Amino acid sequence: MSPPSSDSAARGAPAPAELLRAVARHETLDKAAESLGISVARLRVGLATLADTLESGQPRTKTPPAPEPELPWHRRAAPAGPTPVSSPLPAAAGQVARMRLECDGAARGNPGPAGAGAVLRRPDGTVVERLGRWLGVQTNNVAEYEGLLLGMRRALELGARELEVRADSLLVVSQMRGEWKVKHPGLRPLFDAARALVRRFDRVDFAHVPRERNADADEMSNRAIDERM
């Protein structure tokens, strides 16, 4: 192969489009590099840089970006496993030790087509994840408990140690607080499962909220019905 021409050295590195046209015109990298007046090694570097740019939208750099600062209660970890239906934050959001859970359930007919919904938030209100699950034919109270279980399980998977639960079901909140007895036999297994999950947290507080303040969880429970999530 002939040495690079003085004209090529003077004008600097070939443009990406010029690299591709040269490779397309010639059978070997040797001939493509010769036509450009550069070495094969330089051609390979140019092609690799172009590939990185096309793949990521950014040229490859040797220095990785600095990590974002973490809040005192923030822990980074591998992304948790898949959930029935969710809209999570990017994986880099990591784990959150304190969360707020908004949960709800819907049944059209009571019993009827039912869905459970939950929304997990950071203490500042930022949404961590939205969840929904299709339950088949169930009662409204069963759906309410299933929304609670859905959110609590996911909060544990995401590393939460403290949880503030908000629900518009007075029955669920009062039973979980120990203020009302669980009389219906169909709710006992769900109540027991919820109490078992509570013991896995350092702290769980339950608050009853009006329906209009639980709109996001209600939306997820109805989406679960409509979309069979």
C-alpha atoms as a PDB file:
ATOM      1  CA  MET A   1       0.000   0.000   0.000  1.00  0.00           C
ATOM      2  CA  SER A   2       1.331   3.443  -0.800  1.00  0.00           C
ATOM      3  CA  PRO A   3       2.043   5.831   2.119  1.00  0.00           C
ATOM      4  CA  PRO A   4      -0.558   8.431   3.090  1.00  0.00           C
ATOM      5  CA  SER A   5      -0.524  11.463   0.833  1.00  0.00           C
ATOM      6  CA  SER A   6       0.533  14.864   2.139  1.00  0.00           C
ATOM      7  CA  ASP A   7      -2.866  16.233   1.044  1.00  0.00           C
ATOM      8  CA  SER A   8      -4.688  13.765   3.309  1.00  0.00           C
ATOM      9  CA  ALA A   9      -2.476  14.560   6.300  1.00  0.00           C
ATOM     10  CA  ALA A  10      -3.055  18.236   5.785  1.00  0.00           C
ATOM     11  CA  ARG A  11      -6.808  18.033   5.709  1.00  0.00           C
ATOM     12  CA  GLY A  12      -7.075  15.874   8.867  1.00  0.00           C
ATOM     13  CA  ALA A  13      -9.224  12.802   9.530  1.00  0.00           C
ATOM     14  CA  PRO A  14     -11.706  11.805   6.801  1.00  0.00           C
ATOM     15  CA  ALA A  15     -15.372  12.528   7.468  1.00  0.00           C
ATOM     16  CA  PRO A  16     -17.490   9.532   8.610  1.00  0.00           C
ATOM     17  CA  ALA A  17     -19.399   9.481   5.326  1.00  0.00           C
ATOM     18  CA  GLU A  18     -16.107   9.463   3.424  1.00  0.00           C
ATOM     19  CA  LEU A  19     -14.935   6.440   5.442  1.00  0.00           C
ATOM     20  CA  LEU A  20     -18.070   4.502   4.616  1.00  0.00           C
ATOM     21  CA  ARG A  21     -17.969   5.349   0.912  1.00  0.00           C
ATOM     22  CA  ALA A  22     -14.361   4.224   0.683  1.00  0.00           C
ATOM     23  CA  VAL A  23     -15.095   0.890   2.363  1.00  0.00           C
ATOM     24  CA  ALA A  24     -18.111   0.385   0.111  1.00  0.00           C
ATOM     25  CA  ARG A  25     -16.100   1.061  -3.061  1.00  0.00           C
ATOM     26  CA  HIS A  26     -13.185  -1.287  -2.342  1.00  0.00           C
ATOM     27  CA  GLU A  27     -12.924  -4.998  -1.622  1.00  0.00           C
ATOM     28  CA  THR A  28     -10.372  -4.723   1.196  1.00  0.00           C
ATOM     29  CA  LEU A  29      -9.576  -2.293   3.991  1.00  0.00           C
ATOM     30  CA  ASP A  30      -6.075  -1.917   2.520  1.00  0.00           C
ATOM     31  CA  LYS A  31      -7.425  -0.463  -0.710  1.00  0.00           C
ATOM     32  CA  ALA A  32     -10.024   1.651   1.116  1.00  0.00           C
ATOM     33  CA  ALA A  33      -7.320   3.140   3.364  1.00  0.00           C
ATOM     34  CA  GLU A  34      -5.059   3.728   0.372  1.00  0.00           C
ATOM     35  CA  SER A  35      -7.807   5.597  -1.456  1.00  0.00           C
ATOM     36  CA  LEU A  36      -8.238   7.849   1.580  1.00  0.00           C
ATOM     37  CA  GLY A  37      -4.506   8.336   2.019  1.00  0.00           C
ATOM     38  CA  ILE A  38      -4.510   6.950   5.583  1.00  0.00           C
ATOM     39  CA  SER A  39      -3.246   3.815   7.304  1.00  0.00           C
ATOM     40  CA  VAL A  40      -5.422   0.728   7.846  1.00  0.00           C
ATOM     41  CA  ALA A  41      -5.074   1.198  11.617  1.00  0.00           C
ATOM     42  CA  ARG A  42      -6.394   4.738  11.344  1.00  0.00           C
ATOM     43  CA  LEU A  43      -9.273   3.531   9.185  1.00  0.00           C
ATOM     44  CA  ARG A  44     -10.199   0.885  11.777  1.00  0.00           C
ATOM     45  CA  VAL A  45     -10.211   3.482  14.561  1.00  0.00           C
ATOM     46  CA  GLY A  46     -12.422   5.747  12.489  1.00  0.00           C
ATOM     47  CA  LEU A  47     -14.879   2.965  11.739  1.00  0.00           C
ATOM     48  CA  ALA A  48     -15.040   1.895  15.406  1.00  0.00           C
ATOM     49  CA  THR A  49     -15.715   5.470  16.503  1.00  0.00           C
ATOM     50  CA  LEU A  50     -18.440   5.799  13.876  1.00  0.00           C
ATOM     51  CA  ALA A  51     -20.049   2.546  15.053  1.00  0.00           C
ATOM     52  CA  ASP A  52     -20.076   3.790  18.653  1.00  0.00           C
ATOM     53  CA  THR A  53     -21.654   7.054  17.581  1.00  0.00           C
ATOM     54  CA  LEU A  54     -24.399   5.320  15.597  1.00  0.00           C
ATOM     55  CA  GLU A  55     -25.127   2.868  18.420  1.00  0.00           C
ATOM     56  CA  SER A  56     -25.314   5.241  21.360  1.00  0.00           C
ATOM     57  CA  GLY A  57     -25.677   8.679  19.850  1.00  0.00           C
ATOM     58  CA  GLN A  58     -22.488   9.681  21.692  1.00  0.00           C
ATOM     59  CA  PRO A  59     -18.842   9.052  20.758  1.00  0.00           C
ATOM     60  CA  ARG A  60     -17.032   6.608  23.026  1.00  0.00           C
ATOM     61  CA  THR A  61     -15.070   8.359  25.778  1.00  0.00           C
ATOM     62  CA  LYS A  62     -12.396   7.001  28.054  1.00  0.00           C
ATOM     63  CA  THR A  63     -13.704   8.688  31.203  1.00  0.00           C
ATOM     64  CA  PRO A  64     -17.138   7.517  32.447  1.00  0.00           C
ATOM     65  CA  PRO A  65     -19.582  10.151  33.694  1.00  0.00           C
ATOM     66  CA  ALA A  66     -19.497  10.887  37.416  1.00  0.00           C
ATOM     67  CA  PRO A  67     -22.264   9.152  39.407  1.00  0.00           C
ATOM     68  CA  GLU A  68     -25.161  11.220  40.661  1.00  0.00           C
ATOM     69  CA  PRO A  69     -25.051  12.109  44.374  1.00  0.00           C
ATOM     70  CA  GLU A  70     -27.113   9.813  46.573  1.00  0.00           C
ATOM     71  CA  LEU A  71     -29.571  10.891  49.237  1.00  0.00           C
ATOM     72  CA  PRO A  72     -28.812   9.613  52.762  1.00  0.00           C
ATOM     73  CA  TRP A  73     -31.511   6.943  52.519  1.00  0.00           C
ATOM     74  CA  HIS A  74     -30.748   5.988  48.921  1.00  0.00           C
ATOM     75  CA  ARG A  75     -29.076   2.662  48.122  1.00  0.00           C
ATOM     76  CA  ARG A  76     -28.026   1.579  44.637  1.00  0.00           C
ATOM     77  CA  ALA A  77     -28.628  -2.000  43.569  1.00  0.00           C
ATOM     78  CA  ALA A  78     -29.393  -4.120  40.538  1.00  0.00           C
ATOM     79  CA  PRO A  79     -32.873  -3.560  39.078  1.00  0.00           C
ATOM     80  CA  ALA A  80     -35.559  -5.696  40.666  1.00  0.00           C
ATOM     81  CA  GLY A  81     -37.296  -8.441  38.697  1.00  0.00           C
ATOM     82  CA  PRO A  82     -40.342  -7.921  36.483  1.00  0.00           C
ATOM     83  CA  THR A  83     -43.756  -7.076  37.922  1.00  0.00           C
ATOM     84  CA  PRO A  84     -47.234  -7.794  36.507  1.00  0.00           C
ATOM     85  CA  VAL A  85     -47.490  -4.321  34.974  1.00  0.00           C
ATOM     86  CA  SER A  86     -45.494  -1.283  35.839  1.00  0.00           C
ATOM     87  CA  SER A  87     -44.043   2.024  34.748  1.00  0.00           C
ATOM     88  CA  PRO A  88     -40.747   2.132  36.645  1.00  0.00           C
ATOM     89  CA  LEU A  89     -38.120   4.799  36.926  1.00  0.00           C
ATOM     90  CA  PRO A  90     -34.829   4.083  35.114  1.00  0.00           C
ATOM     91  CA  ALA A  91     -32.728   1.365  36.726  1.00  0.00           C
ATOM     92  CA  ALA A  92     -30.233   3.974  37.915  1.00  0.00           C
ATOM     93  CA  ALA A  93     -32.851   5.218  40.362  1.00  0.00           C
ATOM     94  CA  GLY A  94     -31.851   2.248  42.515  1.00  0.00           C
ATOM     95  CA  GLN A  95     -33.455   1.285  45.797  1.00  0.00           C
ATOM     96  CA  VAL A  96     -35.364   3.583  48.130  1.00  0.00           C
ATOM     97  CA  ALA A  97     -35.415   2.837  51.853  1.00  0.00           C
ATOM     98  CA  ARG A  98     -38.530   4.903  52.584  1.00  0.00           C
ATOM     99  CA  MET A  99     -41.616   4.820  50.373  1.00  0.00           C
ATOM    100  CA  ARG A 100     -45.239   5.827  50.231  1.00  0.00           C
ATOM    101  CA  LEU A 101     -47.682   3.232  48.935  1.00  0.00           C
ATOM    102  CA  GLU A 102     -51.022   4.279  47.464  1.00  0.00           C
ATOM    103  CA  CYS A 103     -53.165   1.196  46.888  1.00  0.00           C
ATOM    104  CA  ASP A 104     -56.659   0.462  45.638  1.00  0.00           C
ATOM    105  CA  GLY A 105     -58.905  -2.213  44.202  1.00  0.00           C
ATOM    106  CA  ALA A 106     -61.883  -2.185  41.862  1.00  0.00           C
ATOM    107  CA  ALA A 107     -64.638  -4.699  41.152  1.00  0.00           C
ATOM    108  CA  ARG A 108     -67.393  -4.039  38.633  1.00  0.00           C
ATOM    109  CA  GLY A 109     -70.390  -5.846  40.003  1.00  0.00           C
ATOM    110  CA  ASN A 110     -69.064  -6.838  43.459  1.00  0.00           C
ATOM    111  CA  PRO A 111     -68.363  -9.605  42.716  1.00  0.00           C
ATOM    112  CA  GLY A 112     -67.362  -8.903  39.155  1.00  0.00           C
ATOM    113  CA  PRO A 113     -64.346  -8.244  36.951  1.00  0.00           C
ATOM    114  CA  ALA A 114     -61.716  -6.971  39.365  1.00  0.00           C
ATOM    115  CA  GLY A 115     -58.280  -5.394  39.395  1.00  0.00           C
ATOM    116  CA  ALA A 116     -55.686  -4.323  41.934  1.00  0.00           C
ATOM    117  CA  GLY A 117     -53.664  -1.122  41.657  1.00  0.00           C
ATOM    118  CA  ALA A 118     -50.730   0.420  43.490  1.00  0.00           C
ATOM    119  CA  VAL A 119     -48.407   3.392  43.138  1.00  0.00           C
ATOM    120  CA  LEU A 120     -45.067   3.592  44.955  1.00  0.00           C
ATOM    121  CA  ARG A 121     -43.550   6.997  45.617  1.00  0.00           C
ATOM    122  CA  ARG A 122     -40.508   8.494  47.232  1.00  0.00           C
ATOM    123  CA  PRO A 123     -41.098  10.657  50.330  1.00  0.00           C
ATOM    124  CA  ASP A 124     -41.021  13.762  48.094  1.00  0.00           C
ATOM    125  CA  GLY A 125     -43.894  12.365  46.001  1.00  0.00           C
ATOM    126  CA  THR A 126     -41.842  11.261  42.983  1.00  0.00           C
ATOM    127  CA  VAL A 127     -43.341   8.138  41.418  1.00  0.00           C
ATOM    128  CA  VAL A 128     -41.082   5.089  41.698  1.00  0.00           C
ATOM    129  CA  GLU A 129     -43.415   2.596  40.056  1.00  0.00           C
ATOM    130  CA  ARG A 130     -47.048   2.094  39.007  1.00  0.00           C
ATOM    131  CA  LEU A 131     -48.504  -1.400  39.301  1.00  0.00           C
ATOM    132  CA  GLY A 132     -51.671  -3.165  38.200  1.00  0.00           C
ATOM    133  CA  ARG A 133     -52.918  -6.744  38.294  1.00  0.00           C
ATOM    134  CA  TRP A 134     -55.989  -8.405  36.778  1.00  0.00           C
ATOM    135  CA  LEU A 135     -57.785 -10.534  39.387  1.00  0.00           C
ATOM    136  CA  GLY A 136     -60.580 -12.197  37.442  1.00  0.00           C
ATOM    137  CA  VAL A 137     -63.961 -12.147  39.210  1.00  0.00           C
ATOM    138  CA  GLN A 138     -63.638 -10.953  42.806  1.00  0.00           C
ATOM    139  CA  THR A 139     -65.331  -8.745  45.383  1.00  0.00           C
ATOM    140  CA  ASN A 140     -64.320  -5.154  45.968  1.00  0.00           C
ATOM    141  CA  ASN A 141     -62.810  -5.909  49.398  1.00  0.00           C
ATOM    142  CA  VAL A 142     -60.681  -8.714  47.989  1.00  0.00           C
ATOM    143  CA  ALA A 143     -59.456  -6.347  45.275  1.00  0.00           C
ATOM    144  CA  GLU A 144     -58.592  -3.714  47.900  1.00  0.00           C
ATOM    145  CA  TYR A 145     -56.465  -6.211  49.825  1.00  0.00           C
ATOM    146  CA  GLU A 146     -54.816  -7.435  46.635  1.00  0.00           C
ATOM    147  CA  GLY A 147     -53.804  -3.853  45.825  1.00  0.00           C
ATOM    148  CA  LEU A 148     -52.197  -3.585  49.258  1.00  0.00           C
ATOM    149  CA  LEU A 149     -50.343  -6.897  48.829  1.00  0.00           C
ATOM    150  CA  LEU A 150     -49.203  -5.964  45.322  1.00  0.00           C
ATOM    151  CA  GLY A 151     -47.654  -2.715  46.505  1.00  0.00           C
ATOM    152  CA  MET A 152     -46.096  -4.088  49.687  1.00  0.00           C
ATOM    153  CA  ARG A 153     -44.391  -6.967  47.877  1.00  0.00           C
ATOM    154  CA  ARG A 154     -42.933  -4.660  45.262  1.00  0.00           C
ATOM    155  CA  ALA A 155     -41.760  -2.179  47.906  1.00  0.00           C
ATOM    156  CA  LEU A 156     -39.826  -4.975  49.610  1.00  0.00           C
ATOM    157  CA  GLU A 157     -38.289  -6.002  46.287  1.00  0.00           C
ATOM    158  CA  LEU A 158     -37.128  -2.420  45.776  1.00  0.00           C
ATOM    159  CA  GLY A 159     -35.450  -2.366  49.195  1.00  0.00           C
ATOM    160  CA  ALA A 160     -37.954  -0.292  51.194  1.00  0.00           C
ATOM    161  CA  ARG A 161     -37.585  -0.547  54.976  1.00  0.00           C
ATOM    162  CA  GLU A 162     -40.239   1.994  55.984  1.00  0.00           C
ATOM    163  CA  LEU A 163     -43.627   2.287  54.323  1.00  0.00           C
ATOM    164  CA  GLU A 164     -46.480   4.758  54.564  1.00  0.00           C
ATOM    165  CA  VAL A 165     -49.641   3.112  53.223  1.00  0.00           C
ATOM    166  CA  ARG A 166     -52.513   5.257  51.963  1.00  0.00           C
ATOM    167  CA  ALA A 167     -55.792   3.614  50.958  1.00  0.00           C
ATOM    168  CA  ASP A 168     -59.388   4.754  50.514  1.00  0.00           C
ATOM    169  CA  SER A 169     -60.746   1.463  51.901  1.00  0.00           C
ATOM    170  CA  LEU A 170     -61.743   2.134  55.501  1.00  0.00           C
ATOM    171  CA  LEU A 171     -62.185  -1.610  56.009  1.00  0.00           C
ATOM    172  CA  VAL A 172     -58.623  -2.485  54.960  1.00  0.00           C
ATOM    173  CA  VAL A 173     -57.031   0.361  56.909  1.00  0.00           C
ATOM    174  CA  SER A 174     -59.064  -0.300  60.080  1.00  0.00           C
ATOM    175  CA  GLN A 175     -58.379  -4.036  59.975  1.00  0.00           C
ATOM    176  CA  MET A 176     -54.663  -3.544  59.382  1.00  0.00           C
ATOM    177  CA  ARG A 177     -54.533  -1.140  62.308  1.00  0.00           C
ATOM    178  CA  GLY A 178     -56.247  -3.726  64.507  1.00  0.00           C
ATOM    179  CA  GLU A 179     -59.283  -1.503  65.034  1.00  0.00           C
ATOM    180  CA  TRP A 180     -61.757  -3.813  63.257  1.00  0.00           C
ATOM    181  CA  LYS A 181     -61.969  -7.585  63.363  1.00  0.00           C
ATOM    182  CA  VAL A 182     -61.688  -9.669  60.205  1.00  0.00           C
ATOM    183  CA  LYS A 183     -65.048 -11.429  60.148  1.00  0.00           C
ATOM    184  CA  HIS A 184     -65.312 -12.544  56.524  1.00  0.00           C
ATOM    185  CA  PRO A 185     -63.506 -15.887  56.008  1.00  0.00           C
ATOM    186  CA  GLY A 186     -62.555 -14.942  52.449  1.00  0.00           C
ATOM    187  CA  LEU A 187     -60.529 -11.967  53.690  1.00  0.00           C
ATOM    188  CA  ARG A 188     -58.652 -13.800  56.456  1.00  0.00           C
ATOM    189  CA  PRO A 189     -55.904 -15.272  54.188  1.00  0.00           C
ATOM    190  CA  LEU A 190     -55.336 -11.862  52.591  1.00  0.00           C
ATOM    191  CA  PHE A 191     -55.204 -10.139  55.982  1.00  0.00           C
ATOM    192  CA  ASP A 192     -52.738 -12.737  57.296  1.00  0.00           C
ATOM    193  CA  ALA A 193     -50.557 -12.327  54.201  1.00  0.00           C
ATOM    194  CA  ALA A 194     -50.561  -8.547  54.651  1.00  0.00           C
ATOM    195  CA  ARG A 195     -49.637  -8.828  58.341  1.00  0.00           C
ATOM    196  CA  ALA A 196     -46.771 -11.164  57.446  1.00  0.00           C
ATOM    197  CA  LEU A 197     -45.459  -8.581  54.968  1.00  0.00           C
ATOM    198  CA  VAL A 198     -45.755  -5.815  57.567  1.00  0.00           C
ATOM    199  CA  ARG A 199     -43.384  -7.749  59.841  1.00  0.00           C
ATOM    200  CA  ARG A 200     -40.709  -7.665  57.122  1.00  0.00           C
ATOM    201  CA  PHE A 201     -40.515  -3.870  57.269  1.00  0.00           C
ATOM    202  CA  ASP A 202     -38.950  -1.813  60.032  1.00  0.00           C
ATOM    203  CA  ARG A 203     -42.049   0.359  60.132  1.00  0.00           C
ATOM    204  CA  VAL A 204     -45.415   0.528  58.358  1.00  0.00           C
ATOM    205  CA  ASP A 205     -48.056   3.222  58.941  1.00  0.00           C
ATOM    206  CA  PHE A 206     -51.596   3.027  57.570  1.00  0.00           C
ATOM    207  CA  ALA A 207     -53.686   6.087  56.685  1.00  0.00           C
ATOM    208  CA  HIS A 208     -57.225   6.292  55.316  1.00  0.00           C
ATOM    209  CA  VAL A 209     -57.602   8.900  52.570  1.00  0.00           C
ATOM    210  CA  PRO A 210     -60.602  10.104  50.537  1.00  0.00           C
ATOM    211  CA  ARG A 211     -61.109   8.469  47.150  1.00  0.00           C
ATOM    212  CA  GLU A 212     -60.175  11.645  45.278  1.00  0.00           C
ATOM    213  CA  ARG A 213     -56.744  11.598  46.933  1.00  0.00           C
ATOM    214  CA  ASN A 214     -56.157   8.053  45.737  1.00  0.00           C
ATOM    215  CA  ALA A 215     -56.835   8.662  42.046  1.00  0.00           C
ATOM    216  CA  ASP A 216     -53.568   7.250  40.700  1.00  0.00           C
ATOM    217  CA  ALA A 217     -54.000   3.874  42.416  1.00  0.00           C
ATOM    218  CA  ASP A 218     -57.652   3.808  41.355  1.00  0.00           C
ATOM    219  CA  GLU A 219     -56.589   4.414  37.766  1.00  0.00           C
ATOM    220  CA  MET A 220     -54.180   1.459  37.903  1.00  0.00           C
ATOM    221  CA  SER A 221     -56.815  -0.901  39.323  1.00  0.00           C
ATOM    222  CA  ASN A 222     -59.252   0.036  36.553  1.00  0.00           C
ATOM    223  CA  ARG A 223     -56.541  -0.250  33.904  1.00  0.00           C
ATOM    224  CA  ALA A 224     -55.895  -3.768  35.193  1.00  0.00           C
ATOM    225  CA  ILE A 225     -59.540  -4.611  34.444  1.00  0.00           C
ATOM    226  CA  ASP A 226     -59.675  -2.885  31.073  1.00  0.00           C
ATOM    227  CA  GLU A 227     -56.365  -4.226  29.793  1.00  0.00           C
ATOM    228  CA  ARG A 228     -56.342  -7.609  31.638  1.00  0.00           C
ATOM    229  CA  MET A 229     -52.890  -6.779  33.043  1.00  0.00           C
END
